[in-house]
Each structure stands twice: as C-alpha cells, then as structure tokens.
Amino acid sequence: MDTQPTTAPTTAQATTRNAAASRLPNPMRLVPELGAVAGALFKAVSNGSVPRTTIDLVQLRAGQIVGNTYLTVMHTDSLRSAGESEQRITAVASWQDAPYLTDAETAALALAEAVLQPTTHGERVPDELYARAAEHYDDKALATLALAIGQVGFFIPLALIGKPLPGVKPSEQWT
C-alpha cells in the first residue's frame, strides 16, 4: 500500500489543464464597440505605406517584449502565411545583429522597442532613432508605424488579461 500523501497540482499543472479556454469570453460580445475600433485600426495600418510584413515583424516584436504567447504565435503565423522564412521570423527576437532583416525593418523594430520598453535615461525615441527611421520611411509611413505599434499596444491588455489561446483564431475560441 502506498503511504505517500497525495499533493495538489502545482499552479503550472492546473493552468495547463485549464487552458482549454481564454480567461475572458469574447471581448467583441462584451464590448461591441470594439469591432469598430479594431476595424478602424486595421484599416489605418493597412494603408499601404508600410509593407504588411514590416507591420507583422513589429507586432511580433511587441508580443515578445510583453511576453505574450498569443500575440507572438498570431504574428508568427501571419508571417509564415505571407511566405516569410523561419530565419527572418526567428531573427526578430535578436534583430539587432540579424543578417536576415533589411535596414528599414530594423529601424521599425528599433522604434517598436523604444516605444514599448522603458528607458532609464533620456528619451524613448531620441532624435537619432527618429532620423534613422526617417531615412527609410516618409512621414505617412512613420505615422503608420506609430499606429501599428499603437494597434498592437491597444490589444496587449486584452491578450494579457484575457489570455486567449495561442494558435486558435478568435472566431474558433470565442463563440
């Protein structure tokens, strides 16, 4: 007879078992106005001034910065669907020395990091960084990059608080 006491599952084990659903129900049903906001943001960011690939690279980096698997999987899947190589996708995590990214893409990634990560000194987006990005993007494209960073930023709280399931489309997990 086994005399060892049984123990309760650890938090990680319990979370893994309960990961069959997002913590929040469908946010679009809870706040129907969200659909109009999301649609407007997508339309604004999709104005053609910045390649969709660059936007996905920036938004993938944002997901990595905030440590959210749902966002990283979503943008990784989008990049794969667009035909991006595994090297380019993987390189986003260490973009500073990645040979797979263009100068324009690394400038966009630098802007995303500057906006999303706190700094202990100086401006988040110093003049030098702005000038570097402006070498590759005109004013409309710079504004679009700012909106793309803001777009993912808008959804970060829902991703962190609601914890949607990675790799599952919203239409499939929120019914």
Protein backbone atom coordinates (compact mmCIF):
# COMPACT_ATOMS: atom_id res chain seq x y z
CA MET A 1 0.00 0.00 0.00
CA ASP A 2 1.30 3.45 -0.96
CA THR A 3 1.53 5.62 2.12
CA GLN A 4 2.80 8.80 0.48
CA PRO A 5 0.36 11.68 0.71
CA THR A 6 -1.12 12.98 -2.49
CA THR A 7 -0.39 16.56 -3.30
CA ALA A 8 -2.45 19.16 -5.03
CA PRO A 9 -1.40 20.01 -8.58
CA THR A 10 1.01 22.88 -8.92
CA THR A 11 -0.23 26.16 -10.34
CA ALA A 12 1.50 25.37 -13.65
CA GLN A 13 -0.18 21.96 -13.84
CA ALA A 14 -3.59 23.43 -13.02
CA THR A 15 -3.13 26.21 -15.57
CA THR A 16 -2.08 23.74 -18.27
CA ARG A 17 -5.15 21.61 -17.65
CA ASN A 18 -7.45 24.64 -17.62
CA ALA A 19 -6.02 26.15 -20.80
CA ALA A 20 -8.97 24.93 -22.87
CA ALA A 21 -10.45 28.40 -22.96
CA SER A 22 -9.49 32.01 -22.73
CA ARG A 23 -9.94 33.65 -19.32
CA LEU A 24 -12.36 36.18 -20.78
CA PRO A 25 -15.30 35.43 -23.02
CA ASN A 26 -15.38 37.09 -26.43
CA PRO A 27 -14.44 40.75 -25.87
CA MET A 28 -16.40 41.74 -29.01
CA ARG A 29 -19.58 40.46 -27.37
CA LEU A 30 -18.75 42.11 -24.06
CA VAL A 31 -17.92 45.46 -25.67
CA PRO A 32 -19.49 45.54 -29.16
CA GLU A 33 -17.87 48.91 -29.92
CA LEU A 34 -14.53 47.10 -30.01
CA GLY A 35 -15.29 45.84 -33.52
CA ALA A 36 -15.44 49.36 -34.95
CA VAL A 37 -12.22 50.38 -33.18
CA ALA A 38 -10.38 47.23 -34.28
CA GLY A 39 -11.61 47.65 -37.85
CA ALA A 40 -10.56 51.30 -37.97
CA LEU A 41 -7.10 50.49 -36.61
CA PHE A 42 -6.62 47.67 -39.12
CA LYS A 43 -7.73 49.93 -41.99
CA ALA A 44 -5.41 52.75 -40.89
CA VAL A 45 -2.39 50.44 -40.55
CA SER A 46 -3.17 48.76 -43.89
CA ASN A 47 -2.89 51.98 -45.90
CA GLY A 48 -0.01 50.59 -48.00
CA SER A 49 2.69 52.99 -46.83
CA VAL A 50 4.47 50.27 -44.83
CA PRO A 51 4.74 46.67 -46.06
CA ARG A 52 2.43 44.27 -44.21
CA THR A 53 5.48 42.12 -43.45
CA THR A 54 7.15 45.01 -41.62
CA ILE A 55 3.99 45.62 -39.60
CA ASP A 56 3.86 41.94 -38.63
CA LEU A 57 7.56 41.95 -37.69
CA VAL A 58 6.96 44.98 -35.45
CA GLN A 59 3.88 43.44 -33.89
CA LEU A 60 5.67 40.12 -33.37
CA ARG A 61 8.40 42.01 -31.51
CA ALA A 62 5.76 43.73 -29.40
CA GLY A 63 4.35 40.34 -28.40
CA GLN A 64 7.84 39.17 -27.48
CA ILE A 65 8.52 42.30 -25.43
CA VAL A 66 5.38 41.90 -23.33
CA GLY A 67 5.86 38.14 -23.09
CA ASN A 68 2.55 37.10 -24.64
CA THR A 69 2.41 33.81 -26.48
CA TYR A 70 -0.93 34.55 -28.15
CA LEU A 71 0.48 37.65 -29.87
CA THR A 72 3.77 36.00 -30.80
CA VAL A 73 2.04 32.96 -32.29
CA MET A 74 -0.52 35.11 -34.14
CA HIS A 75 2.11 37.31 -35.79
CA THR A 76 4.45 34.38 -36.44
CA ASP A 77 1.60 32.58 -38.20
CA SER A 78 0.83 35.70 -40.22
CA LEU A 79 4.45 35.99 -41.31
CA ARG A 80 4.58 32.30 -42.25
CA SER A 81 1.36 32.67 -44.25
CA ALA A 82 2.98 35.56 -46.10
CA GLY A 83 5.86 33.25 -47.06
CA GLU A 84 8.48 34.63 -44.68
CA SER A 85 11.42 32.34 -43.88
CA GLU A 86 11.95 30.79 -40.48
CA GLN A 87 15.28 32.62 -40.26
CA ARG A 88 13.61 36.03 -40.63
CA ILE A 89 10.85 35.18 -38.18
CA THR A 90 13.24 33.77 -35.58
CA ALA A 91 15.61 36.71 -36.03
CA VAL A 92 13.04 39.17 -34.69
CA ALA A 93 13.96 38.22 -31.12
CA SER A 94 17.57 39.24 -31.76
CA TRP A 95 17.03 41.70 -34.59
CA GLN A 96 19.97 43.99 -33.69
CA ASP A 97 22.52 41.67 -35.30
CA ALA A 98 20.29 39.65 -37.62
CA PRO A 99 21.51 39.49 -41.23
CA TYR A 100 18.04 38.47 -42.46
CA LEU A 101 16.33 41.84 -41.96
CA THR A 102 16.55 44.99 -44.03
CA ASP A 103 17.77 48.31 -42.65
CA ALA A 104 14.21 49.64 -42.91
CA GLU A 105 12.86 46.68 -40.92
CA THR A 106 15.48 47.05 -38.20
CA ALA A 107 14.67 50.77 -37.95
CA ALA A 108 10.99 49.86 -37.50
CA LEU A 109 11.88 47.25 -34.86
CA ALA A 110 14.06 49.80 -33.06
CA LEU A 111 11.10 52.21 -32.97
CA ALA A 112 8.85 49.49 -31.53
CA GLU A 113 11.35 48.66 -28.80
CA ALA A 114 11.90 52.31 -27.99
CA VAL A 115 8.18 52.91 -27.59
CA LEU A 116 7.37 49.71 -25.69
CA GLN A 117 10.35 49.40 -23.36
CA PRO A 118 11.04 51.84 -20.56
CA THR A 119 14.37 53.58 -20.53
CA THR A 120 16.42 54.57 -17.52
CA HIS A 121 17.83 57.60 -19.27
CA GLY A 122 16.85 60.06 -21.97
CA GLU A 123 14.02 59.97 -24.42
CA ARG A 124 12.45 56.74 -25.50
CA VAL A 125 12.66 57.82 -29.15
CA PRO A 126 15.73 60.04 -29.42
CA ASP A 127 16.35 62.25 -32.44
CA GLU A 128 18.98 59.82 -33.75
CA LEU A 129 16.49 56.95 -33.86
CA TYR A 130 13.86 59.11 -35.50
CA ALA A 131 16.41 60.25 -38.12
CA ARG A 132 17.40 56.62 -38.76
CA ALA A 133 13.78 55.62 -39.32
CA ALA A 134 13.14 58.72 -41.47
CA GLU A 135 15.90 57.56 -43.82
CA HIS A 136 13.63 54.64 -44.76
CA TYR A 137 10.10 55.93 -44.21
CA ASP A 138 8.30 59.11 -45.26
CA ASP A 139 6.01 60.99 -42.86
CA LYS A 140 2.94 58.90 -43.73
CA ALA A 141 4.86 55.67 -43.23
CA LEU A 142 6.29 56.89 -39.90
CA ALA A 143 2.78 57.77 -38.74
CA THR A 144 1.62 54.34 -39.92
CA LEU A 145 4.41 52.63 -37.97
CA ALA A 146 3.36 54.59 -34.89
CA LEU A 147 -0.21 53.39 -35.45
CA ALA A 148 0.96 49.79 -35.95
CA ILE A 149 2.77 49.92 -32.61
CA GLY A 150 -0.33 51.51 -31.09
CA GLN A 151 -2.58 48.90 -32.69
CA VAL A 152 -0.79 46.01 -31.03
CA GLY A 153 -0.49 48.12 -27.87
CA PHE A 154 -4.26 48.54 -27.87
CA PHE A 155 -4.73 44.77 -27.79
CA ILE A 156 -1.94 43.93 -25.33
CA PRO A 157 -4.18 44.34 -22.24
CA LEU A 158 -6.80 42.00 -23.71
CA ALA A 159 -4.08 39.50 -24.57
CA LEU A 160 -2.51 39.63 -21.11
CA ILE A 161 -5.70 39.82 -19.05
CA GLY A 162 -7.99 37.70 -21.23
CA LYS A 163 -5.25 35.22 -22.10
CA PRO A 164 -6.65 33.94 -25.41
CA LEU A 165 -5.42 30.57 -26.56
CA PRO A 166 -2.28 30.72 -28.71
CA GLY A 167 -2.75 29.42 -32.22
CA VAL A 168 -6.54 29.45 -32.01
CA LYS A 169 -8.36 32.02 -34.13
CA PRO A 170 -10.66 34.34 -32.16
CA SER A 171 -13.62 33.04 -34.17
CA GLU A 172 -12.82 29.50 -33.01
CA GLN A 173 -12.19 30.15 -29.31
CA TRP A 174 -14.81 32.80 -28.69
CA THR A 175 -18.17 31.50 -29.75
